Structures are given as structure tokens and as C-alpha cells.
Amino acid sequence: MEEMNATIAVTKPVVKTVKLENGKDFKIKLWDCGGQERFKNISKAFLKDAVGCIIVFSLDSTKSLKAAKSWIDSVNSMRAEGKHIQIVLVANKADLPADQIEFTDWESEGKNLAKESSDPKYGDVPFFDTSAKTGKNVEAVFLNMATMIDNASKKSAPATATSGDSPKPAEGGGCCIVS
């Protein structure tokens, strides 16, 4: 089995520009906070300034699905404090052969977790299966997150008269990737 290196990049964000369906360029600051328990305190510090959180679990680890539930709980506790944070749930390593996937019902478990995590105030939590190795659905995840943040910022933005130049919604916060 080919080894992929785990990443953690909390020292400097990656800025990704996503082209929304309306043609608008949308910049997202991505902080890879890592999903390992040892980084949870660091990640909580980043969540306080996040406007979106991509929560990733790995298909070769049932433990990571349990950790994803814990990360969703962390986001929900921030939401209870008044933070408006969008969530996207991602199953990664969709490229693995069936014999390397730890649980056969990952798709239904992921969809159920996304449905359970959806909230009328914050909307549905979308669920994607991805492969960081092949790129499957990776861009779709970022497009979905950017669109959700953009739409949420329009709903919460006060009505003001401007010259047409509106502030970039993602510049006030960041998008936290928890894998």
C-alpha cells in the first residue's frame, strides 16, 4: 500500500481562490488543523475565527469517523456561542480498494451523520466522497464550501448603499480543514 503523508499546516494558511457559479472569484483561507486528538486544542483556537469547517474522515479508519463526530460537536458548541460556521463532511480515500476500507457502510454512515448535523439555522451539511490522491470531488468540496459561505454572508450582511464593491466575506475569517 502506498503511503500518503499526513499534513498539518497551522502555521500559515493556504489561500485558495474558487470561482463561484456566478463567475465571482472567492478567496478562502485554509488552515489544515489536523484531525489528530493531539491537535484538538490548537484546532479549537482556529475554529473561533472560522466561517467554515471541512471535516474529513478516512475510509480506512472507523476511528476517524468517530473523530469526525467529535469535530462536529466542537463546531456545534461554537455555533451555540453564536458563531455562524458552515460544515461540509468529507469521506476521503475513495480510491482505496474495497479490502482496505475498514467499514462497508461508510456511505450511509456519512450521509446519516451529515443529515443529523444539518440544522435549520445553518442549513444542510453536504457530504462528499473524495480522493486526495486522484482529486475526485476535491474541487467540488471547495466550491460547495465557498458557495455556502458566500450565501450565508449575503443573508447576514446589513443592507448598505455601496458602489457595487462589496467586502470579501471570507476575509474576516477562515476556513478550517479538520482531517
Foldseek 3Di string as FASTA:
>chain_A
DDDDDDDFAQPAWDWDWAQAPVRDTAIFTEGAQELDPVSVVVLLVQLLQAQEEEQEAEQQDPVSVVSSLVVLVSNVVSVVVPRNYAYEYEYEPPVDDPVRGPDDCVVVSQQVSQQVSADPVNGGHHYYYYYPVVGPCPSVRVNVRRVSQVVVCVVPPDDDDDPPDDDRSNPRGHYYYYD
